[in-house]
Amino acid sequence: MGLGDKVSDWQACGLIQIAGGDAIAAGVFVFDFYSASAGVTGRFTFRGGGIGIGGNASGTAVPTQIGPFGPWSSVDCDNPFSIWDLNGAWGRLTSLSVGMGLEFGVVYITAAPRWSMFTSYFHSQNVGGFSTGAGAGGLTLVGSWSFKSVVHTSPADISSGSSGMEA
């Protein structure tokens, strides 16, 4: 397991979103980041504040592929990074979602080293799709990424019939 391995084959899966705003917005999002070459999946939270309107409370990603949307999204990296690099990195998250029961949304994420203005790990990567939950709204938040734990989920869980959400 390579928590310090700098790699560029990351995939992300959004698990939980709780956000809202009425001009001023705030939110907490939970993601799993998986790398086959590092052999690790790290669970992260993104917490931030910014601007937005509406609200969203959604649970887990729908564990099956629906058209072109699946729970895992490839992340095109600007620079290779590790779990430890992403921990404490600053970021931006932009979300627009709507739904009741089954929700659909676009979620663009960015991460960069602390205090960096010209270097990023990844920028404006859409990791949205279908989830269970309710809400309607749009927001842009600036905040930070926090590593929580190593988990045992991966994109292979989908093909094996597992929901991939077990921790």
N, C-alpha and C. Protein backbone atom coordinates (compact mmCIF):
# COMPACT_ATOMS: atom_id res chain seq x y z
N MET A 1 0.85 -1.17 0.00
CA MET A 1 0.00 0.00 0.00
C MET A 1 0.89 1.22 0.00
N GLY A 2 0.59 2.16 -0.90
CA GLY A 2 1.48 3.29 -1.08
C GLY A 2 0.85 4.63 -0.77
N LEU A 3 0.72 4.98 0.51
CA LEU A 3 0.15 6.27 0.87
C LEU A 3 1.03 7.42 0.39
N GLY A 4 2.33 7.16 0.23
CA GLY A 4 3.25 8.20 -0.22
C GLY A 4 3.63 8.09 -1.68
N ASP A 5 3.07 7.10 -2.40
CA ASP A 5 3.40 6.92 -3.81
C ASP A 5 2.76 8.01 -4.67
N LYS A 6 3.58 8.76 -5.39
CA LYS A 6 3.07 9.79 -6.30
C LYS A 6 2.73 9.13 -7.63
N VAL A 7 1.44 9.08 -7.94
CA VAL A 7 0.97 8.42 -9.15
C VAL A 7 -0.03 9.33 -9.87
N SER A 8 -0.40 8.95 -11.08
CA SER A 8 -1.34 9.77 -11.85
C SER A 8 -2.51 8.97 -12.42
N ASP A 9 -2.77 7.78 -11.85
CA ASP A 9 -3.89 6.96 -12.35
C ASP A 9 -5.07 6.97 -11.38
N TRP A 10 -5.39 8.12 -10.81
CA TRP A 10 -6.44 8.21 -9.80
C TRP A 10 -7.83 8.16 -10.40
N GLN A 11 -8.75 7.57 -9.64
CA GLN A 11 -10.18 7.60 -9.93
C GLN A 11 -10.87 8.07 -8.66
N ALA A 12 -11.97 8.78 -8.81
CA ALA A 12 -12.70 9.30 -7.66
C ALA A 12 -14.15 8.85 -7.70
N CYS A 13 -14.70 8.62 -6.50
CA CYS A 13 -16.10 8.24 -6.34
C CYS A 13 -16.70 9.12 -5.24
N GLY A 14 -17.71 9.91 -5.58
CA GLY A 14 -18.39 10.75 -4.60
C GLY A 14 -19.37 9.92 -3.80
N LEU A 15 -19.30 10.02 -2.47
CA LEU A 15 -20.14 9.20 -1.60
C LEU A 15 -21.22 9.99 -0.89
N ILE A 16 -20.90 11.15 -0.35
CA ILE A 16 -21.85 11.93 0.44
C ILE A 16 -21.68 13.40 0.11
N GLN A 17 -22.83 14.10 0.02
CA GLN A 17 -22.84 15.55 -0.19
C GLN A 17 -23.84 16.17 0.77
N ILE A 18 -23.40 17.15 1.50
CA ILE A 18 -24.31 17.95 2.32
C ILE A 18 -23.89 19.40 2.11
N ALA A 19 -24.74 20.16 1.45
CA ALA A 19 -24.36 21.53 1.11
C ALA A 19 -25.61 22.39 0.96
N GLY A 20 -25.43 23.67 1.14
CA GLY A 20 -26.54 24.58 0.96
C GLY A 20 -26.07 26.01 0.96
N GLY A 21 -26.94 26.86 0.44
CA GLY A 21 -26.59 28.27 0.41
C GLY A 21 -27.75 29.14 0.00
N ASP A 22 -27.65 30.39 0.41
CA ASP A 22 -28.56 31.44 0.00
C ASP A 22 -27.67 32.67 -0.21
N ALA A 23 -26.95 32.68 -1.29
CA ALA A 23 -25.89 33.61 -1.64
C ALA A 23 -24.57 33.14 -1.03
N ILE A 24 -24.49 33.00 0.29
CA ILE A 24 -23.31 32.44 0.95
C ILE A 24 -23.58 30.95 1.14
N ALA A 25 -22.62 30.11 0.77
CA ALA A 25 -22.83 28.66 0.79
C ALA A 25 -21.71 27.95 1.56
N ALA A 26 -22.01 26.74 2.00
CA ALA A 26 -21.02 25.89 2.66
C ALA A 26 -21.39 24.44 2.38
N GLY A 27 -20.41 23.55 2.50
CA GLY A 27 -20.71 22.15 2.27
C GLY A 27 -19.60 21.23 2.71
N VAL A 28 -20.00 19.97 2.89
CA VAL A 28 -19.09 18.88 3.21
C VAL A 28 -19.36 17.76 2.21
N PHE A 29 -18.31 17.27 1.59
CA PHE A 29 -18.41 16.22 0.59
C PHE A 29 -17.44 15.10 0.98
N VAL A 30 -17.81 13.84 0.72
CA VAL A 30 -16.95 12.70 1.01
C VAL A 30 -16.67 11.96 -0.30
N PHE A 31 -15.38 11.70 -0.56
CA PHE A 31 -14.95 11.02 -1.78
C PHE A 31 -13.99 9.89 -1.44
N ASP A 32 -14.00 8.84 -2.26
CA ASP A 32 -12.93 7.84 -2.25
C ASP A 32 -12.06 8.10 -3.46
N PHE A 33 -10.73 8.07 -3.26
CA PHE A 33 -9.76 8.18 -4.34
C PHE A 33 -9.01 6.86 -4.43
N TYR A 34 -9.02 6.23 -5.62
CA TYR A 34 -8.41 4.93 -5.83
C TYR A 34 -7.31 5.02 -6.89
N SER A 35 -6.19 4.35 -6.62
CA SER A 35 -5.11 4.22 -7.60
C SER A 35 -4.70 2.76 -7.68
N ALA A 36 -4.77 2.19 -8.87
CA ALA A 36 -4.33 0.79 -9.06
C ALA A 36 -2.83 0.68 -8.89
N SER A 37 -2.06 1.65 -9.42
CA SER A 37 -0.60 1.53 -9.33
C SER A 37 -0.10 1.72 -7.90
N ALA A 38 -0.76 2.55 -7.10
CA ALA A 38 -0.37 2.70 -5.69
C ALA A 38 -0.99 1.60 -4.84
N GLY A 39 -2.02 0.94 -5.36
CA GLY A 39 -2.68 -0.14 -4.63
C GLY A 39 -3.40 0.33 -3.38
N VAL A 40 -4.06 1.50 -3.48
CA VAL A 40 -4.69 2.06 -2.28
C VAL A 40 -5.94 2.87 -2.65
N THR A 41 -6.90 2.88 -1.74
CA THR A 41 -8.05 3.76 -1.82
C THR A 41 -8.09 4.58 -0.53
N GLY A 42 -8.11 5.87 -0.66
CA GLY A 42 -8.19 6.75 0.50
C GLY A 42 -9.51 7.47 0.53
N ARG A 43 -10.10 7.54 1.72
CA ARG A 43 -11.35 8.29 1.89
C ARG A 43 -11.00 9.70 2.34
N PHE A 44 -11.59 10.69 1.66
CA PHE A 44 -11.32 12.10 1.91
C PHE A 44 -12.61 12.86 2.13
N THR A 45 -12.52 13.92 2.91
CA THR A 45 -13.59 14.90 2.97
C THR A 45 -13.10 16.18 2.32
N PHE A 46 -14.01 16.86 1.70
CA PHE A 46 -13.77 18.21 1.21
C PHE A 46 -14.74 19.11 1.95
N ARG A 47 -14.22 20.13 2.64
CA ARG A 47 -15.04 21.09 3.36
C ARG A 47 -14.70 22.47 2.82
N GLY A 48 -15.76 23.24 2.56
CA GLY A 48 -15.48 24.56 2.03
C GLY A 48 -16.64 25.52 2.17
N GLY A 49 -16.35 26.76 1.86
CA GLY A 49 -17.34 27.82 1.85
C GLY A 49 -17.22 28.61 0.57
N GLY A 50 -18.30 29.28 0.20
CA GLY A 50 -18.27 30.06 -1.03
C GLY A 50 -19.61 30.69 -1.33
N ILE A 51 -20.02 30.58 -2.59
CA ILE A 51 -21.28 31.17 -3.03
C ILE A 51 -22.18 30.08 -3.61
N GLY A 52 -23.49 30.29 -3.50
CA GLY A 52 -24.41 29.33 -4.08
C GLY A 52 -25.83 29.57 -3.63
N ILE A 53 -26.72 28.78 -4.20
CA ILE A 53 -28.13 28.86 -3.85
C ILE A 53 -28.73 27.46 -3.91
N GLY A 54 -29.64 27.18 -2.99
CA GLY A 54 -30.28 25.87 -2.94
C GLY A 54 -29.61 24.98 -1.93
N GLY A 55 -29.97 23.71 -1.99
CA GLY A 55 -29.40 22.77 -1.04
C GLY A 55 -29.36 21.37 -1.60
N ASN A 56 -28.58 20.52 -0.94
CA ASN A 56 -28.41 19.15 -1.42
C ASN A 56 -28.00 18.28 -0.24
N ALA A 57 -28.69 17.17 -0.09
CA ALA A 57 -28.29 16.15 0.87
C ALA A 57 -28.43 14.83 0.15
N SER A 58 -27.30 14.23 -0.21
CA SER A 58 -27.37 12.98 -0.94
C SER A 58 -26.48 11.95 -0.28
N GLY A 59 -26.89 10.70 -0.45
CA GLY A 59 -26.18 9.59 0.17
C GLY A 59 -25.08 9.07 -0.71
N THR A 60 -25.15 7.81 -1.01
CA THR A 60 -24.07 7.17 -1.75
C THR A 60 -24.31 7.23 -3.25
N ALA A 61 -23.23 7.08 -3.97
CA ALA A 61 -23.31 7.01 -5.43
C ALA A 61 -24.08 5.74 -5.80
N VAL A 62 -24.86 5.82 -6.85
CA VAL A 62 -25.57 4.64 -7.34
C VAL A 62 -24.51 3.66 -7.84
N PRO A 63 -24.49 2.42 -7.31
CA PRO A 63 -23.38 1.51 -7.57
C PRO A 63 -23.39 0.81 -8.93
N THR A 64 -24.19 1.29 -9.87
CA THR A 64 -24.19 0.69 -11.19
C THR A 64 -23.99 1.78 -12.24
N GLN A 65 -23.57 1.36 -13.40
CA GLN A 65 -23.39 2.26 -14.53
C GLN A 65 -24.77 2.61 -15.10
N ILE A 66 -25.06 3.89 -15.26
CA ILE A 66 -26.30 4.33 -15.90
C ILE A 66 -25.89 5.17 -17.09
N GLY A 67 -26.03 4.59 -18.29
CA GLY A 67 -25.55 5.27 -19.49
C GLY A 67 -24.06 5.52 -19.37
N PRO A 68 -23.62 6.75 -19.65
CA PRO A 68 -22.19 7.05 -19.54
C PRO A 68 -21.74 7.38 -18.12
N PHE A 69 -22.67 7.36 -17.15
CA PHE A 69 -22.35 7.76 -15.78
C PHE A 69 -22.24 6.56 -14.86
N GLY A 70 -21.11 6.46 -14.19
CA GLY A 70 -20.90 5.42 -13.20
C GLY A 70 -20.42 6.05 -11.91
N PRO A 71 -20.30 5.28 -10.86
CA PRO A 71 -19.88 5.85 -9.59
C PRO A 71 -18.42 6.31 -9.58
N TRP A 72 -17.56 5.69 -10.38
CA TRP A 72 -16.13 6.04 -10.41
C TRP A 72 -15.83 6.87 -11.65
N SER A 73 -15.05 7.92 -11.48
CA SER A 73 -14.64 8.79 -12.59
C SER A 73 -13.12 8.89 -12.61
N SER A 74 -12.54 8.76 -13.80
CA SER A 74 -11.09 8.96 -13.93
C SER A 74 -10.75 10.42 -13.70
N VAL A 75 -9.62 10.64 -13.05
CA VAL A 75 -9.14 11.99 -12.76
C VAL A 75 -7.90 12.23 -13.62
N ASP A 76 -7.97 13.20 -14.52
CA ASP A 76 -6.81 13.57 -15.33
C ASP A 76 -5.90 14.45 -14.47
N CYS A 77 -4.73 13.94 -14.18
CA CYS A 77 -3.81 14.64 -13.27
C CYS A 77 -2.91 15.62 -14.01
N ASP A 78 -2.74 16.79 -13.44
CA ASP A 78 -1.76 17.76 -13.95
C ASP A 78 -0.37 17.39 -13.46
N ASN A 79 -0.29 16.86 -12.23
CA ASN A 79 0.95 16.41 -11.62
C ASN A 79 0.66 15.18 -10.78
N PRO A 80 1.52 14.18 -10.80
CA PRO A 80 1.31 13.01 -9.94
C PRO A 80 1.25 13.44 -8.47
N PHE A 81 0.42 12.75 -7.69
CA PHE A 81 0.30 13.06 -6.27
C PHE A 81 0.03 11.79 -5.49
N SER A 82 0.23 11.89 -4.19
CA SER A 82 -0.01 10.76 -3.28
C SER A 82 -1.17 11.09 -2.35
N ILE A 83 -1.57 10.09 -1.59
CA ILE A 83 -2.59 10.31 -0.54
C ILE A 83 -2.12 11.42 0.39
N TRP A 84 -0.84 11.35 0.80
CA TRP A 84 -0.32 12.37 1.73
C TRP A 84 -0.28 13.74 1.09
N ASP A 85 -0.03 13.82 -0.23
CA ASP A 85 -0.03 15.12 -0.91
C ASP A 85 -1.43 15.74 -0.89
N LEU A 86 -2.45 14.91 -1.15
CA LEU A 86 -3.82 15.42 -1.21
C LEU A 86 -4.32 15.85 0.17
N ASN A 87 -3.83 15.19 1.22
CA ASN A 87 -4.23 15.55 2.58
C ASN A 87 -3.76 16.97 2.90
N GLY A 88 -4.71 17.86 3.14
CA GLY A 88 -4.37 19.24 3.45
C GLY A 88 -4.26 20.15 2.25
N ALA A 89 -4.39 19.58 1.04
CA ALA A 89 -4.34 20.41 -0.17
C ALA A 89 -5.54 21.34 -0.21
N TRP A 90 -5.37 22.51 -0.80
CA TRP A 90 -6.52 23.38 -0.98
C TRP A 90 -7.28 22.92 -2.22
N GLY A 91 -8.52 23.31 -2.34
CA GLY A 91 -9.28 22.89 -3.50
C GLY A 91 -10.47 23.77 -3.77
N ARG A 92 -11.10 23.47 -4.87
CA ARG A 92 -12.34 24.12 -5.28
C ARG A 92 -13.30 23.04 -5.69
N LEU A 93 -14.57 23.21 -5.37
CA LEU A 93 -15.60 22.27 -5.77
C LEU A 93 -16.78 23.08 -6.29
N THR A 94 -17.25 22.74 -7.49
CA THR A 94 -18.42 23.37 -8.08
C THR A 94 -19.44 22.29 -8.36
N SER A 95 -20.67 22.51 -7.91
CA SER A 95 -21.70 21.48 -8.04
C SER A 95 -23.01 22.09 -8.51
N LEU A 96 -23.71 21.34 -9.36
CA LEU A 96 -25.05 21.69 -9.79
C LEU A 96 -25.83 20.39 -9.82
N SER A 97 -26.87 20.28 -8.99
CA SER A 97 -27.60 19.01 -8.90
C SER A 97 -29.08 19.23 -8.69
N VAL A 98 -29.85 18.19 -9.05
CA VAL A 98 -31.29 18.22 -8.88
C VAL A 98 -31.81 16.79 -8.77
N GLY A 99 -32.82 16.59 -7.95
CA GLY A 99 -33.45 15.29 -7.86
C GLY A 99 -34.14 15.04 -6.54
N MET A 100 -35.01 14.04 -6.55
CA MET A 100 -35.70 13.60 -5.34
C MET A 100 -35.71 12.07 -5.37
N GLY A 101 -35.00 11.45 -4.46
CA GLY A 101 -34.86 9.99 -4.47
C GLY A 101 -33.64 9.60 -5.28
N LEU A 102 -33.71 9.80 -6.59
CA LEU A 102 -32.55 9.63 -7.48
C LEU A 102 -32.15 11.02 -7.93
N GLU A 103 -30.92 11.36 -7.64
CA GLU A 103 -30.44 12.71 -7.92
C GLU A 103 -29.34 12.64 -8.98
N PHE A 104 -29.31 13.66 -9.84
CA PHE A 104 -28.24 13.77 -10.83
C PHE A 104 -27.54 15.11 -10.65
N GLY A 105 -26.21 15.07 -10.74
CA GLY A 105 -25.48 16.31 -10.62
C GLY A 105 -24.13 16.26 -11.27
N VAL A 106 -23.63 17.43 -11.62
CA VAL A 106 -22.25 17.57 -12.05
C VAL A 106 -21.47 18.11 -10.86
N VAL A 107 -20.30 17.57 -10.64
CA VAL A 107 -19.44 17.99 -9.54
C VAL A 107 -18.03 18.11 -10.09
N TYR A 108 -17.53 19.33 -10.15
CA TYR A 108 -16.17 19.58 -10.63
C TYR A 108 -15.26 19.81 -9.43
N ILE A 109 -14.14 19.08 -9.39
CA ILE A 109 -13.22 19.20 -8.27
C ILE A 109 -11.83 19.62 -8.75
N THR A 110 -11.13 20.32 -7.87
CA THR A 110 -9.76 20.79 -8.11
C THR A 110 -8.97 20.59 -6.83
N ALA A 111 -7.69 20.29 -6.95
CA ALA A 111 -6.80 20.22 -5.78
C ALA A 111 -5.43 20.72 -6.18
N ALA A 112 -4.78 21.41 -5.25
CA ALA A 112 -3.44 21.96 -5.47
C ALA A 112 -2.68 21.97 -4.15
N PRO A 113 -1.34 21.94 -4.24
CA PRO A 113 -0.56 22.02 -3.00
C PRO A 113 -0.90 23.31 -2.24
N ARG A 114 -0.79 23.23 -0.92
CA ARG A 114 -1.03 24.43 -0.10
C ARG A 114 -0.17 25.58 -0.58
N TRP A 115 -0.75 26.76 -0.61
CA TRP A 115 -0.07 28.00 -0.94
C TRP A 115 0.41 28.05 -2.39
N SER A 116 -0.05 27.13 -3.22
CA SER A 116 0.37 27.13 -4.62
C SER A 116 -0.66 27.84 -5.48
N MET A 117 -0.18 28.74 -6.33
CA MET A 117 -1.08 29.42 -7.26
C MET A 117 -0.91 28.91 -8.68
N PHE A 118 0.20 28.25 -8.97
CA PHE A 118 0.50 27.90 -10.36
C PHE A 118 0.64 26.40 -10.60
N THR A 119 0.58 25.59 -9.55
CA THR A 119 0.70 24.14 -9.68
C THR A 119 -0.56 23.50 -9.12
N SER A 120 -1.08 22.50 -9.84
CA SER A 120 -2.24 21.77 -9.32
C SER A 120 -2.03 20.28 -9.50
N TYR A 121 -2.69 19.51 -8.65
CA TYR A 121 -2.69 18.06 -8.82
C TYR A 121 -3.70 17.67 -9.91
N PHE A 122 -4.86 18.31 -9.86
CA PHE A 122 -5.88 18.16 -10.91
C PHE A 122 -6.78 19.39 -10.83
N HIS A 123 -7.42 19.71 -11.95
CA HIS A 123 -8.32 20.87 -11.94
C HIS A 123 -9.56 20.59 -12.78
N SER A 124 -10.69 21.08 -12.30
CA SER A 124 -11.98 21.03 -12.99
C SER A 124 -12.30 19.64 -13.54
N GLN A 125 -12.19 18.63 -12.69
CA GLN A 125 -12.51 17.26 -13.09
C GLN A 125 -13.94 16.94 -12.69
N ASN A 126 -14.77 16.53 -13.66
CA ASN A 126 -16.17 16.21 -13.37
C ASN A 126 -16.24 14.79 -12.81
N VAL A 127 -16.66 14.69 -11.56
CA VAL A 127 -16.81 13.39 -10.90
C VAL A 127 -18.26 13.19 -10.46
N GLY A 128 -19.18 13.88 -11.12
CA GLY A 128 -20.59 13.80 -10.78
C GLY A 128 -21.25 12.58 -11.41
N GLY A 129 -22.55 12.50 -11.22
CA GLY A 129 -23.33 11.40 -11.75
C GLY A 129 -24.59 11.23 -10.94
N PHE A 130 -25.06 9.99 -10.81
CA PHE A 130 -26.27 9.70 -10.08
C PHE A 130 -25.97 9.33 -8.63
N SER A 131 -26.86 9.72 -7.73
CA SER A 131 -26.76 9.34 -6.32
C SER A 131 -28.16 9.27 -5.74
N THR A 132 -28.26 8.72 -4.55
CA THR A 132 -29.52 8.73 -3.83
C THR A 132 -29.55 9.98 -2.97
N GLY A 133 -30.68 10.68 -2.94
CA GLY A 133 -30.76 11.88 -2.12
C GLY A 133 -31.83 12.82 -2.63
N ALA A 134 -31.77 14.05 -2.15
CA ALA A 134 -32.76 15.05 -2.51
C ALA A 134 -32.14 16.43 -2.49
N GLY A 135 -32.58 17.26 -3.40
CA GLY A 135 -32.14 18.64 -3.40
C GLY A 135 -32.10 19.23 -4.78
N ALA A 136 -31.87 20.53 -4.81
CA ALA A 136 -31.67 21.27 -6.05
C ALA A 136 -30.85 22.50 -5.72
N GLY A 137 -29.82 22.71 -6.48
CA GLY A 137 -29.02 23.90 -6.22
C GLY A 137 -27.71 23.88 -6.96
N GLY A 138 -27.02 24.99 -6.85
CA GLY A 138 -25.70 25.14 -7.44
C GLY A 138 -24.82 25.94 -6.52
N LEU A 139 -23.53 25.59 -6.49
CA LEU A 139 -22.61 26.30 -5.61
C LEU A 139 -21.18 26.13 -6.07
N THR A 140 -20.34 27.05 -5.64
CA THR A 140 -18.90 26.96 -5.82
C THR A 140 -18.26 27.21 -4.46
N LEU A 141 -17.43 26.26 -4.03
CA LEU A 141 -16.81 26.33 -2.71
C LEU A 141 -15.29 26.29 -2.85
N VAL A 142 -14.60 26.97 -1.97
CA VAL A 142 -13.16 26.88 -1.83
C VAL A 142 -12.90 26.32 -0.45
N GLY A 143 -12.03 25.31 -0.37
CA GLY A 143 -11.79 24.68 0.92
C GLY A 143 -10.55 23.80 0.88
N SER A 144 -10.61 22.72 1.66
CA SER A 144 -9.44 21.84 1.73
C SER A 144 -9.86 20.38 1.76
N TRP A 145 -8.92 19.54 1.35
CA TRP A 145 -9.08 18.09 1.32
C TRP A 145 -8.46 17.50 2.59
N SER A 146 -9.16 16.57 3.23
CA SER A 146 -8.66 15.93 4.45
C SER A 146 -8.77 14.41 4.33
N PHE A 147 -7.64 13.74 4.50
CA PHE A 147 -7.59 12.27 4.47
C PHE A 147 -8.19 11.74 5.76
N LYS A 148 -9.10 10.76 5.64
CA LYS A 148 -9.75 10.17 6.81
C LYS A 148 -9.25 8.76 7.10
N SER A 149 -9.18 7.90 6.07
CA SER A 149 -8.76 6.52 6.31
C SER A 149 -8.51 5.81 4.98
N VAL A 150 -7.84 4.67 5.09
CA VAL A 150 -7.72 3.75 3.97
C VAL A 150 -8.97 2.89 3.99
N VAL A 151 -9.60 2.72 2.85
CA VAL A 151 -10.80 1.89 2.74
C VAL A 151 -10.58 0.82 1.68
N HIS A 152 -11.48 -0.12 1.63
CA HIS A 152 -11.33 -1.24 0.70
C HIS A 152 -12.41 -1.19 -0.37
N THR A 153 -12.42 -0.10 -1.13
CA THR A 153 -13.32 0.03 -2.27
C THR A 153 -12.48 0.27 -3.52
N SER A 154 -13.03 -0.11 -4.65
CA SER A 154 -12.35 0.12 -5.92
C SER A 154 -13.36 -0.01 -7.04
N PRO A 155 -13.01 0.45 -8.24
CA PRO A 155 -13.91 0.27 -9.38
C PRO A 155 -14.22 -1.20 -9.66
N ALA A 156 -13.33 -2.12 -9.28
CA ALA A 156 -13.57 -3.55 -9.49
C ALA A 156 -14.77 -4.05 -8.70
N ASP A 157 -15.17 -3.36 -7.62
CA ASP A 157 -16.32 -3.76 -6.83
C ASP A 157 -17.59 -3.77 -7.65
N ILE A 158 -17.68 -2.89 -8.65
CA ILE A 158 -18.87 -2.81 -9.49
C ILE A 158 -19.02 -4.08 -10.32
N SER A 159 -17.94 -4.54 -10.93
CA SER A 159 -18.03 -5.73 -11.78
C SER A 159 -18.22 -6.99 -10.95
N SER A 160 -17.86 -6.95 -9.66
CA SER A 160 -18.03 -8.14 -8.82
C SER A 160 -19.41 -8.21 -8.19
N GLY A 161 -20.22 -7.15 -8.39
CA GLY A 161 -21.56 -7.15 -7.82
C GLY A 161 -21.65 -6.50 -6.46
N SER A 162 -20.55 -6.11 -5.87
CA SER A 162 -20.55 -5.42 -4.58
C SER A 162 -20.92 -3.96 -4.82
N SER A 163 -21.49 -3.33 -3.83
CA SER A 163 -21.84 -1.92 -3.98
C SER A 163 -20.60 -1.05 -3.97
N GLY A 164 -19.49 -1.55 -3.43
CA GLY A 164 -18.28 -0.76 -3.38
C GLY A 164 -18.30 0.29 -2.29
N MET A 165 -19.32 0.31 -1.46
CA MET A 165 -19.43 1.34 -0.44
C MET A 165 -19.05 0.82 0.94
N GLU A 166 -18.66 -0.44 1.05
CA GLU A 166 -18.29 -0.97 2.34
C GLU A 166 -16.93 -0.41 2.75
N ALA A 167 -16.81 -0.06 3.99
CA ALA A 167 -15.54 0.50 4.48
C ALA A 167 -14.83 -0.50 5.36
